[in-house]
PDB file of N, CA and C in Angstrom:
ATOM      1  N   MET A   1     147.627 176.328 148.607  1.00  0.00           N
ATOM      2  CA  MET A   1     147.174 175.813 147.460  1.00  0.00           C
ATOM      3  C   MET A   1     147.551 174.090 148.245  1.00  0.00           C
ATOM      4  N   LEU A   2     148.503 173.880 148.459  1.00  0.00           N
ATOM      5  CA  LEU A   2     149.212 172.595 149.086  1.00  0.00           C
ATOM      6  C   LEU A   2     148.421 171.618 151.171  1.00  0.00           C
ATOM      7  N   ALA A   3     147.905 173.024 150.839  1.00  0.00           N
ATOM      8  CA  ALA A   3     148.082 172.619 152.408  1.00  0.00           C
ATOM      9  C   ALA A   3     146.166 172.424 152.285  1.00  0.00           C
ATOM     10  N   PHE A   4     145.251 173.309 151.373  1.00  0.00           N
ATOM     11  CA  PHE A   4     144.141 172.831 150.689  1.00  0.00           C
ATOM     12  C   PHE A   4     143.969 170.941 150.545  1.00  0.00           C
ATOM     13  N   ALA A   5     144.668 171.062 149.311  1.00  0.00           N
ATOM     14  CA  ALA A   5     145.064 169.608 148.985  1.00  0.00           C
ATOM     15  C   ALA A   5     144.639 168.989 150.461  1.00  0.00           C
ATOM     16  N   ASN A   6     145.534 168.997 151.074  1.00  0.00           N
ATOM     17  CA  ASN A   6     146.598 167.657 152.496  1.00  0.00           C
ATOM     18  C   ASN A   6     145.392 167.748 152.660  1.00  0.00           C
ATOM     19  N   LEU A   7     144.323 168.590 153.636  1.00  0.00           N
ATOM     20  CA  LEU A   7     143.191 169.402 154.502  1.00  0.00           C
ATOM     21  C   LEU A   7     142.460 168.329 153.200  1.00  0.00           C
ATOM     22  N   ILE A   8     141.741 168.529 152.241  1.00  0.00           N
ATOM     23  CA  ILE A   8     140.677 167.244 151.486  1.00  0.00           C
ATOM     24  C   ILE A   8     141.590 165.746 151.875  1.00  0.00           C
ATOM     25  N   HIS A   9     142.580 165.368 151.197  1.00  0.00           N
ATOM     26  CA  HIS A   9     142.617 164.319 151.574  1.00  0.00           C
ATOM     27  C   HIS A   9     142.804 163.623 152.763  1.00  0.00           C
ATOM     28  N   ASN A  10     143.414 164.809 153.492  1.00  0.00           N
ATOM     29  CA  ASN A  10     142.853 163.488 155.096  1.00  0.00           C
ATOM     30  C   ASN A  10     141.629 163.556 155.531  1.00  0.00           C
ATOM     31  N   ALA A  11     140.715 164.512 155.360  1.00  0.00           N
ATOM     32  CA  ALA A  11     139.574 164.117 155.210  1.00  0.00           C
ATOM     33  C   ALA A  11     139.235 162.854 154.862  1.00  0.00           C
ATOM     34  N   LEU A  12     139.664 162.878 153.481  1.00  0.00           N
ATOM     35  CA  LEU A  12     138.786 161.063 152.621  1.00  0.00           C
ATOM     36  C   LEU A  12     139.640 160.810 153.027  1.00  0.00           C
ATOM     37  N   ASP A  13     140.809 160.401 153.927  1.00  0.00           N
ATOM     38  CA  ASP A  13     140.676 159.243 155.052  1.00  0.00           C
ATOM     39  C   ASP A  13     140.360 159.485 156.460  1.00  0.00           C
ATOM     40  N   VAL A  14     139.718 159.611 156.402  1.00  0.00           N
ATOM     41  CA  VAL A  14     138.562 159.963 158.196  1.00  0.00           C
ATOM     42  C   VAL A  14     137.385 159.539 157.444  1.00  0.00           C
ATOM     43  N   LEU A  15     137.850 159.939 156.050  1.00  0.00           N
ATOM     44  CA  LEU A  15     135.737 159.022 155.877  1.00  0.00           C
ATOM     45  C   LEU A  15     135.743 157.670 155.364  1.00  0.00           C
ATOM     46  N   VAL A  16     136.859 156.964 155.307  1.00  0.00           N
ATOM     47  CA  VAL A  16     137.217 155.829 154.517  1.00  0.00           C
ATOM     48  C   VAL A  16     137.497 154.982 155.912  1.00  0.00           C
ATOM     49  N   TRP A  17     137.436 155.926 156.744  1.00  0.00           N
ATOM     50  CA  TRP A  17     137.964 154.903 158.189  1.00  0.00           C
ATOM     51  C   TRP A  17     137.234 154.757 158.698  1.00  0.00           C
ATOM     52  N   ILE A  18     135.668 155.884 157.973  1.00  0.00           N
ATOM     53  CA  ILE A  18     134.204 155.824 158.761  1.00  0.00           C
ATOM     54  C   ILE A  18     132.905 154.907 158.384  1.00  0.00           C
ATOM     55  N   VAL A  19     133.602 154.606 157.223  1.00  0.00           N
ATOM     56  CA  VAL A  19     133.285 153.612 156.322  1.00  0.00           C
ATOM     57  C   VAL A  19     133.789 152.175 156.890  1.00  0.00           C
ATOM     58  N   ILE A  20     134.699 151.996 156.916  1.00  0.00           N
ATOM     59  CA  ILE A  20     134.706 151.043 157.669  1.00  0.00           C
ATOM     60  C   ILE A  20     134.466 150.373 158.747  1.00  0.00           C
ATOM     61  N   LEU A  21     134.690 151.507 160.299  1.00  0.00           N
ATOM     62  CA  LEU A  21     134.217 151.118 161.674  1.00  0.00           C
ATOM     63  C   LEU A  21     132.364 150.869 161.372  1.00  0.00           C
ATOM     64  N   SER A  22     131.714 151.834 160.137  1.00  0.00           N
ATOM     65  CA  SER A  22     130.500 151.400 160.330  1.00  0.00           C
ATOM     66  C   SER A  22     130.077 149.232 159.947  1.00  0.00           C
ATOM     67  N   VAL A  23     131.189 150.047 159.186  1.00  0.00           N
ATOM     68  CA  VAL A  23     130.200 148.546 158.455  1.00  0.00           C
ATOM     69  C   VAL A  23     130.672 146.546 159.354  1.00  0.00           C
ATOM     70  N   ILE A  24     132.345 146.817 159.377  1.00  0.00           N
ATOM     71  CA  ILE A  24     132.754 146.498 160.817  1.00  0.00           C
ATOM     72  C   ILE A  24     131.414 146.905 162.018  1.00  0.00           C
ATOM     73  N   LEU A  25     130.911 147.590 162.387  1.00  0.00           N
ATOM     74  CA  LEU A  25     129.730 147.673 163.661  1.00  0.00           C
ATOM     75  C   LEU A  25     128.518 147.254 162.942  1.00  0.00           C
ATOM     76  N   ASN A  26     129.111 147.373 162.304  1.00  0.00           N
ATOM     77  CA  ASN A  26     126.638 146.596 161.641  1.00  0.00           C
ATOM     78  C   ASN A  26     127.049 145.108 162.001  1.00  0.00           C
ATOM     79  N   TRP A  27     128.453 144.194 160.862  1.00  0.00           N
ATOM     80  CA  TRP A  27     128.235 143.401 161.032  1.00  0.00           C
ATOM     81  C   TRP A  27     128.971 142.932 162.629  1.00  0.00           C
ATOM     82  N   LEU A  28     129.391 143.470 164.093  1.00  0.00           N
ATOM     83  CA  LEU A  28     129.059 142.748 164.918  1.00  0.00           C
ATOM     84  C   LEU A  28     127.729 142.967 165.198  1.00  0.00           C
ATOM     85  N   ILE A  29     127.258 143.719 165.045  1.00  0.00           N
ATOM     86  CA  ILE A  29     125.781 143.979 165.922  1.00  0.00           C
ATOM     87  C   ILE A  29     125.017 142.734 165.074  1.00  0.00           C
ATOM     88  N   VAL A  30     124.874 142.512 163.369  1.00  0.00           N
ATOM     89  CA  VAL A  30     124.132 141.238 163.418  1.00  0.00           C
ATOM     90  C   VAL A  30     124.389 140.263 163.675  1.00  0.00           C
ATOM     91  N   PHE A  31     125.579 140.317 163.912  1.00  0.00           N
ATOM     92  CA  PHE A  31     125.799 138.742 164.279  1.00  0.00           C
ATOM     93  C   PHE A  31     125.628 138.578 165.951  1.00  0.00           C
ATOM     94  N   GLY A  32     125.284 139.866 166.564  1.00  0.00           N
ATOM     95  CA  GLY A  32     125.714 138.810 167.619  1.00  0.00           C
ATOM     96  C   GLY A  32     126.406 139.876 168.965  1.00  0.00           C
ATOM     97  N   PHE A  33     127.786 139.628 168.378  1.00  0.00           N
ATOM     98  CA  PHE A  33     128.500 139.925 168.785  1.00  0.00           C
ATOM     99  C   PHE A  33     128.925 140.664 169.525  1.00  0.00           C
ATOM    100  N   VAL A  34     127.991 142.131 169.142  1.00  0.00           N
ATOM    101  CA  VAL A  34     128.492 143.071 170.461  1.00  0.00           C
ATOM    102  C   VAL A  34     126.888 143.812 170.291  1.00  0.00           C
ATOM    103  N   SER A  35     126.195 144.445 171.371  1.00  0.00           N
ATOM    104  CA  SER A  35     124.725 144.209 171.457  1.00  0.00           C
ATOM    105  C   SER A  35     124.112 145.618 170.861  1.00  0.00           C
ATOM    106  N   GLY A  36     124.077 145.838 170.192  1.00  0.00           N
ATOM    107  CA  GLY A  36     122.549 147.478 169.738  1.00  0.00           C
ATOM    108  C   GLY A  36     122.406 147.810 170.902  1.00  0.00           C
ATOM    109  N   SER A  37     122.642 147.088 172.176  1.00  0.00           N
ATOM    110  CA  SER A  37     121.311 147.950 173.237  1.00  0.00           C
ATOM    111  C   SER A  37     122.089 148.902 174.063  1.00  0.00           C
ATOM    112  N   ASN A  38     123.977 148.620 174.390  1.00  0.00           N
ATOM    113  CA  ASN A  38     125.037 149.127 174.937  1.00  0.00           C
ATOM    114  C   ASN A  38     124.906 150.923 174.308  1.00  0.00           C
ATOM    115  N   ARG A  39     124.688 152.472 174.811  1.00  0.00           N
ATOM    116  CA  ARG A  39     124.559 153.089 174.389  1.00  0.00           C
ATOM    117  C   ARG A  39     125.661 153.529 173.952  1.00  0.00           C
ATOM    118  N   LEU A  40     126.722 152.975 174.437  1.00  0.00           N
ATOM    119  CA  LEU A  40     128.273 153.184 173.243  1.00  0.00           C
ATOM    120  C   LEU A  40     127.783 153.034 171.885  1.00  0.00           C
ATOM    121  N   VAL A  41     127.685 151.565 171.716  1.00  0.00           N
ATOM    122  CA  VAL A  41     128.191 150.858 170.353  1.00  0.00           C
ATOM    123  C   VAL A  41     127.104 151.566 169.455  1.00  0.00           C
ATOM    124  N   TYR A  42     125.327 151.561 170.255  1.00  0.00           N
ATOM    125  CA  TYR A  42     124.547 152.233 169.410  1.00  0.00           C
ATOM    126  C   TYR A  42     124.772 153.698 169.110  1.00  0.00           C
ATOM    127  N   GLY A  43     125.260 155.043 170.442  1.00  0.00           N
ATOM    128  CA  GLY A  43     125.963 155.845 169.466  1.00  0.00           C
ATOM    129  C   GLY A  43     126.433 155.999 168.434  1.00  0.00           C
ATOM    130  N   LEU A  44     128.158 155.330 168.744  1.00  0.00           N
ATOM    131  CA  LEU A  44     129.055 155.420 167.522  1.00  0.00           C
ATOM    132  C   LEU A  44     128.791 154.622 166.251  1.00  0.00           C
ATOM    133  N   ALA A  45     127.276 153.847 166.115  1.00  0.00           N
ATOM    134  CA  ALA A  45     127.466 152.905 165.045  1.00  0.00           C
ATOM    135  C   ALA A  45     125.898 153.911 164.788  1.00  0.00           C
ATOM    136  N   ASP A  46     125.427 154.704 164.976  1.00  0.00           N
ATOM    137  CA  ASP A  46     124.531 155.838 163.885  1.00  0.00           C
ATOM    138  C   ASP A  46     125.145 156.314 163.873  1.00  0.00           C
ATOM    139  N   VAL A  47     126.160 157.336 164.454  1.00  0.00           N
ATOM    140  CA  VAL A  47     127.192 157.915 164.211  1.00  0.00           C
ATOM    141  C   VAL A  47     127.690 158.276 162.701  1.00  0.00           C
ATOM    142  N   CYS A  48     128.080 156.744 163.168  1.00  0.00           N
ATOM    143  CA  CYS A  48     128.676 155.810 161.856  1.00  0.00           C
ATOM    144  C   CYS A  48     128.113 156.251 160.476  1.00  0.00           C
ATOM    145  N   ASP A  49     127.156 155.437 161.085  1.00  0.00           N
ATOM    146  CA  ASP A  49     125.481 154.907 159.712  1.00  0.00           C
ATOM    147  C   ASP A  49     125.887 156.038 159.276  1.00  0.00           C
ATOM    148  N   ARG A  50     125.419 157.635 159.850  1.00  0.00           N
ATOM    149  CA  ARG A  50     124.698 158.688 159.139  1.00  0.00           C
ATOM    150  C   ARG A  50     125.941 159.424 158.162  1.00  0.00           C
ATOM    151  N   ILE A  51     126.867 159.255 158.844  1.00  0.00           N
ATOM    152  CA  ILE A  51     127.991 160.068 157.469  1.00  0.00           C
ATOM    153  C   ILE A  51     128.305 158.998 156.372  1.00  0.00           C
ATOM    154  N   SER A  52     128.602 158.309 157.155  1.00  0.00           N
ATOM    155  CA  SER A  52     128.191 156.582 155.471  1.00  0.00           C
ATOM    156  C   SER A  52     127.356 156.519 154.818  1.00  0.00           C
ATOM    157  N   ALA A  53     126.433 156.515 154.756  1.00  0.00           N
ATOM    158  CA  ALA A  53     125.285 156.845 154.033  1.00  0.00           C
ATOM    159  C   ALA A  53     124.646 158.057 153.500  1.00  0.00           C
ATOM    160  N   PHE A  54     124.884 159.288 153.420  1.00  0.00           N
ATOM    161  CA  PHE A  54     124.993 159.918 153.003  1.00  0.00           C
ATOM    162  C   PHE A  54     126.050 160.357 151.090  1.00  0.00           C
ATOM    163  N   PHE A  55     127.426 159.014 151.513  1.00  0.00           N
ATOM    164  CA  PHE A  55     127.666 159.279 150.177  1.00  0.00           C
ATOM    165  C   PHE A  55     127.448 157.614 149.975  1.00  0.00           C
ATOM    166  N   LEU A  56     126.991 156.829 150.678  1.00  0.00           N
ATOM    167  CA  LEU A  56     126.231 155.720 150.130  1.00  0.00           C
ATOM    168  C   LEU A  56     124.845 155.428 149.195  1.00  0.00           C
ATOM    169  N   HIS A  57     123.844 156.144 149.897  1.00  0.00           N
ATOM    170  CA  HIS A  57     122.649 155.158 149.314  1.00  0.00           C
ATOM    171  C   HIS A  57     122.894 155.743 148.208  1.00  0.00           C
ATOM    172  N   PRO A  58     123.746 156.880 147.587  1.00  0.00           N
ATOM    173  CA  PRO A  58     124.241 157.528 145.477  1.00  0.00           C
ATOM    174  C   PRO A  58     124.610 155.763 145.134  1.00  0.00           C
ATOM    175  N   LEU A  59     125.205 155.333 145.467  1.00  0.00           N
ATOM    176  CA  LEU A  59     126.398 154.208 144.796  1.00  0.00           C
ATOM    177  C   LEU A  59     124.587 153.600 145.157  1.00  0.00           C
ATOM    178  N   GLN A  60     123.512 152.355 146.527  1.00  0.00           N
ATOM    179  CA  GLN A  60     123.684 151.893 146.596  1.00  0.00           C
ATOM    180  C   GLN A  60     122.280 151.819 145.941  1.00  0.00           C
ATOM    181  N   ARG A  61     121.594 152.717 145.440  1.00  0.00           N
ATOM    182  CA  ARG A  61     121.169 153.352 144.150  1.00  0.00           C
ATOM    183  C   ARG A  61     120.922 152.538 142.813  1.00  0.00           C
ATOM    184  N   VAL A  62     122.355 152.931 143.142  1.00  0.00           N
ATOM    185  CA  VAL A  62     123.065 152.044 141.224  1.00  0.00           C
ATOM    186  C   VAL A  62     123.343 150.409 141.149  1.00  0.00           C
ATOM    187  N   ILE A  63     124.210 150.194 142.291  1.00  0.00           N
ATOM    188  CA  ILE A  63     125.542 149.295 142.475  1.00  0.00           C
ATOM    189  C   ILE A  63     123.507 148.235 142.832  1.00  0.00           C
ATOM    190  N   PRO A  64     124.031 147.305 142.370  1.00  0.00           N
ATOM    191  CA  PRO A  64     122.560 146.404 142.875  1.00  0.00           C
ATOM    192  C   PRO A  64     123.841 144.924 144.084  1.00  0.00           C
ATOM    193  N   ARG A  65     123.157 144.488 144.868  1.00  0.00           N
ATOM    194  CA  ARG A  65     123.542 144.279 145.585  1.00  0.00           C
ATOM    195  C   ARG A  65     123.723 142.544 145.160  1.00  0.00           C
ATOM    196  N   LEU A  66     124.977 141.355 145.510  1.00  0.00           N
ATOM    197  CA  LEU A  66     125.378 140.121 144.948  1.00  0.00           C
ATOM    198  C   LEU A  66     124.762 139.259 145.639  1.00  0.00           C
ATOM    199  N   ASN A  67     124.172 138.635 145.752  1.00  0.00           N
ATOM    200  CA  ASN A  67     123.519 138.248 146.379  1.00  0.00           C
ATOM    201  C   ASN A  67     123.279 138.328 147.848  1.00  0.00           C
ATOM    202  N   GLY A  68     123.234 139.166 147.687  1.00  0.00           N
ATOM    203  CA  GLY A  68     122.876 139.931 149.266  1.00  0.00           C
ATOM    204  C   GLY A  68     123.598 140.130 149.622  1.00  0.00           C
ATOM    205  N   VAL A  69     125.135 140.833 149.425  1.00  0.00           N
ATOM    206  CA  VAL A  69     126.089 141.572 149.544  1.00  0.00           C
ATOM    207  C   VAL A  69     126.142 142.492 149.701  1.00  0.00           C
ATOM    208  N   ASP A  70     126.162 143.426 149.940  1.00  0.00           N
ATOM    209  CA  ASP A  70     125.805 145.485 149.467  1.00  0.00           C
ATOM    210  C   ASP A  70     127.968 145.258 149.548  1.00  0.00           C
ATOM    211  N   ILE A  71     128.458 145.633 148.367  1.00  0.00           N
ATOM    212  CA  ILE A  71     129.584 146.269 147.934  1.00  0.00           C
ATOM    213  C   ILE A  71     129.895 147.601 147.623  1.00  0.00           C
ATOM    214  N   SER A  72     128.741 148.661 148.390  1.00  0.00           N
ATOM    215  CA  SER A  72     128.858 149.586 148.092  1.00  0.00           C
ATOM    216  C   SER A  72     129.554 150.915 148.665  1.00  0.00           C
ATOM    217  N   PRO A  73     129.941 149.741 150.249  1.00  0.00           N
ATOM    218  CA  PRO A  73     130.650 150.573 151.109  1.00  0.00           C
ATOM    219  C   PRO A  73     132.589 150.342 150.386  1.00  0.00           C
ATOM    220  N   LEU A  74     133.023 148.812 150.105  1.00  0.00           N
ATOM    221  CA  LEU A  74     134.116 148.488 148.518  1.00  0.00           C
ATOM    222  C   LEU A  74     133.904 149.625 147.788  1.00  0.00           C
ATOM    223  N   VAL A  75     133.676 150.180 147.133  1.00  0.00           N
ATOM    224  CA  VAL A  75     133.679 150.237 145.403  1.00  0.00           C
ATOM    225  C   VAL A  75     133.452 152.562 146.603  1.00  0.00           C
ATOM    226  N   LEU A  76     132.856 152.390 147.256  1.00  0.00           N
ATOM    227  CA  LEU A  76     133.410 153.690 148.098  1.00  0.00           C
ATOM    228  C   LEU A  76     134.593 154.682 148.053  1.00  0.00           C
ATOM    229  N   ILE A  77     135.229 152.524 148.939  1.00  0.00           N
ATOM    230  CA  ILE A  77     136.745 153.306 149.111  1.00  0.00           C
ATOM    231  C   ILE A  77     137.234 153.048 147.772  1.00  0.00           C
ATOM    232  N   LEU A  78     136.770 152.852 147.112  1.00  0.00           N
ATOM    233  CA  LEU A  78     137.392 152.519 145.396  1.00  0.00           C
ATOM    234  C   LEU A  78     137.440 153.536 145.290  1.00  0.00           C
ATOM    235  N   LEU A  79     136.690 154.376 145.488  1.00  0.00           N
ATOM    236  CA  LEU A  79     136.405 155.741 144.703  1.00  0.00           C
ATOM    237  C   LEU A  79     137.511 157.152 145.353  1.00  0.00           C
ATOM    238  N   ILE A  80     137.323 156.772 146.382  1.00  0.00           N
ATOM    239  CA  ILE A  80     137.747 157.829 147.690  1.00  0.00           C
ATOM    240  C   ILE A  80     139.788 157.641 147.193  1.00  0.00           C
ATOM    241  N   TYR A  81     140.331 156.528 147.249  1.00  0.00           N
ATOM    242  CA  TYR A  81     141.454 156.590 146.979  1.00  0.00           C
ATOM    243  C   TYR A  81     141.624 156.904 145.316  1.00  0.00           C
ATOM    244  N   PHE A  82     140.620 156.648 143.989  1.00  0.00           N
ATOM    245  CA  PHE A  82     140.917 157.015 143.149  1.00  0.00           C
ATOM    246  C   PHE A  82     141.146 159.201 143.126  1.00  0.00           C
ATOM    247  N   LEU A  83     140.329 159.732 143.413  1.00  0.00           N
ATOM    248  CA  LEU A  83     139.846 160.992 144.085  1.00  0.00           C
ATOM    249  C   LEU A  83     141.480 161.580 144.769  1.00  0.00           C
ATOM    250  N   GLN A  84     142.186 160.509 145.549  1.00  0.00           N
ATOM    251  CA  GLN A  84     143.420 160.349 145.691  1.00  0.00           C
ATOM    252  C   GLN A  84     144.092 160.653 145.253  1.00  0.00           C
ATOM    253  N   ASP A  85     143.993 159.567 144.981  1.00  0.00           N
ATOM    254  CA  ASP A  85     145.498 159.459 143.100  1.00  0.00           C
ATOM    255  C   ASP A  85     145.176 160.108 142.523  1.00  0.00           C
ATOM    256  N   LEU A  86     144.086 160.941 142.077  1.00  0.00           N
ATOM    257  CA  LEU A  86     143.763 161.695 141.302  1.00  0.00           C
ATOM    258  C   LEU A  86     144.869 162.947 141.325  1.00  0.00           C
ATOM    259  N   MET A  87     144.719 164.148 142.466  1.00  0.00           N
ATOM    260  CA  MET A  87     144.605 165.458 143.574  1.00  0.00           C
ATOM    261  C   MET A  87     145.802 165.594 143.435  1.00  0.00           C
ATOM    262  N   ASN A  88     146.272 164.334 143.550  1.00  0.00           N
ATOM    263  CA  ASN A  88     148.462 163.910 143.992  1.00  0.00           C
ATOM    264  C   ASN A  88     148.849 164.235 142.750  1.00  0.00           C
ATOM    265  N   GLN A  89     148.081 163.764 141.180  1.00  0.00           N
ATOM    266  CA  GLN A  89     148.842 163.679 140.236  1.00  0.00           C
ATOM    267  C   GLN A  89     148.603 165.147 139.841  1.00  0.00           C
ATOM    268  N   LEU A  90     147.584 165.465 140.434  1.00  0.00           N
ATOM    269  CA  LEU A  90     147.346 166.607 139.530  1.00  0.00           C
ATOM    270  C   LEU A  90     148.668 168.222 140.445  1.00  0.00           C
ATOM    271  N   ILE A  91     148.536 167.971 141.193  1.00  0.00           N
ATOM    272  CA  ILE A  91     149.370 169.011 142.410  1.00  0.00           C
ATOM    273  C   ILE A  91     150.944 168.643 141.728  1.00  0.00           C
ATOM    274  N   HIS A  92     151.152 167.547 142.222  1.00  0.00           N
ATOM    275  CA  HIS A  92     152.060 167.528 140.900  1.00  0.00           C
ATOM    276  C   HIS A  92     152.833 167.774 139.985  1.00  0.00           C
ATOM    277  N   ALA A  93     151.942 167.824 139.080  1.00  0.00           N
ATOM    278  CA  ALA A  93     152.345 167.526 137.817  1.00  0.00           C
ATOM    279  C   ALA A  93     152.322 168.295 137.874  1.00  0.00           C
TER     280      ALA A  93
END
């Protein structure tokens, strides 16, 4: 049981990093620091966007933008950390 919980915890950690990388790559492309036509950048951004979009789209339907800023990645990361803490408390209780 502990190994399964560790697997889920690690998968959630990877998801957090994918969401962070997706946000940073989108910012870099939008602000022109990195070219979106570069195959490596485009491929990496596309993979991160597809993975994170699966979790972000339901949140984006519920959470409104604040002055044009999408805060759903932040909410998703906070929810993931909450789930990890909840799992740790249930396992160690």
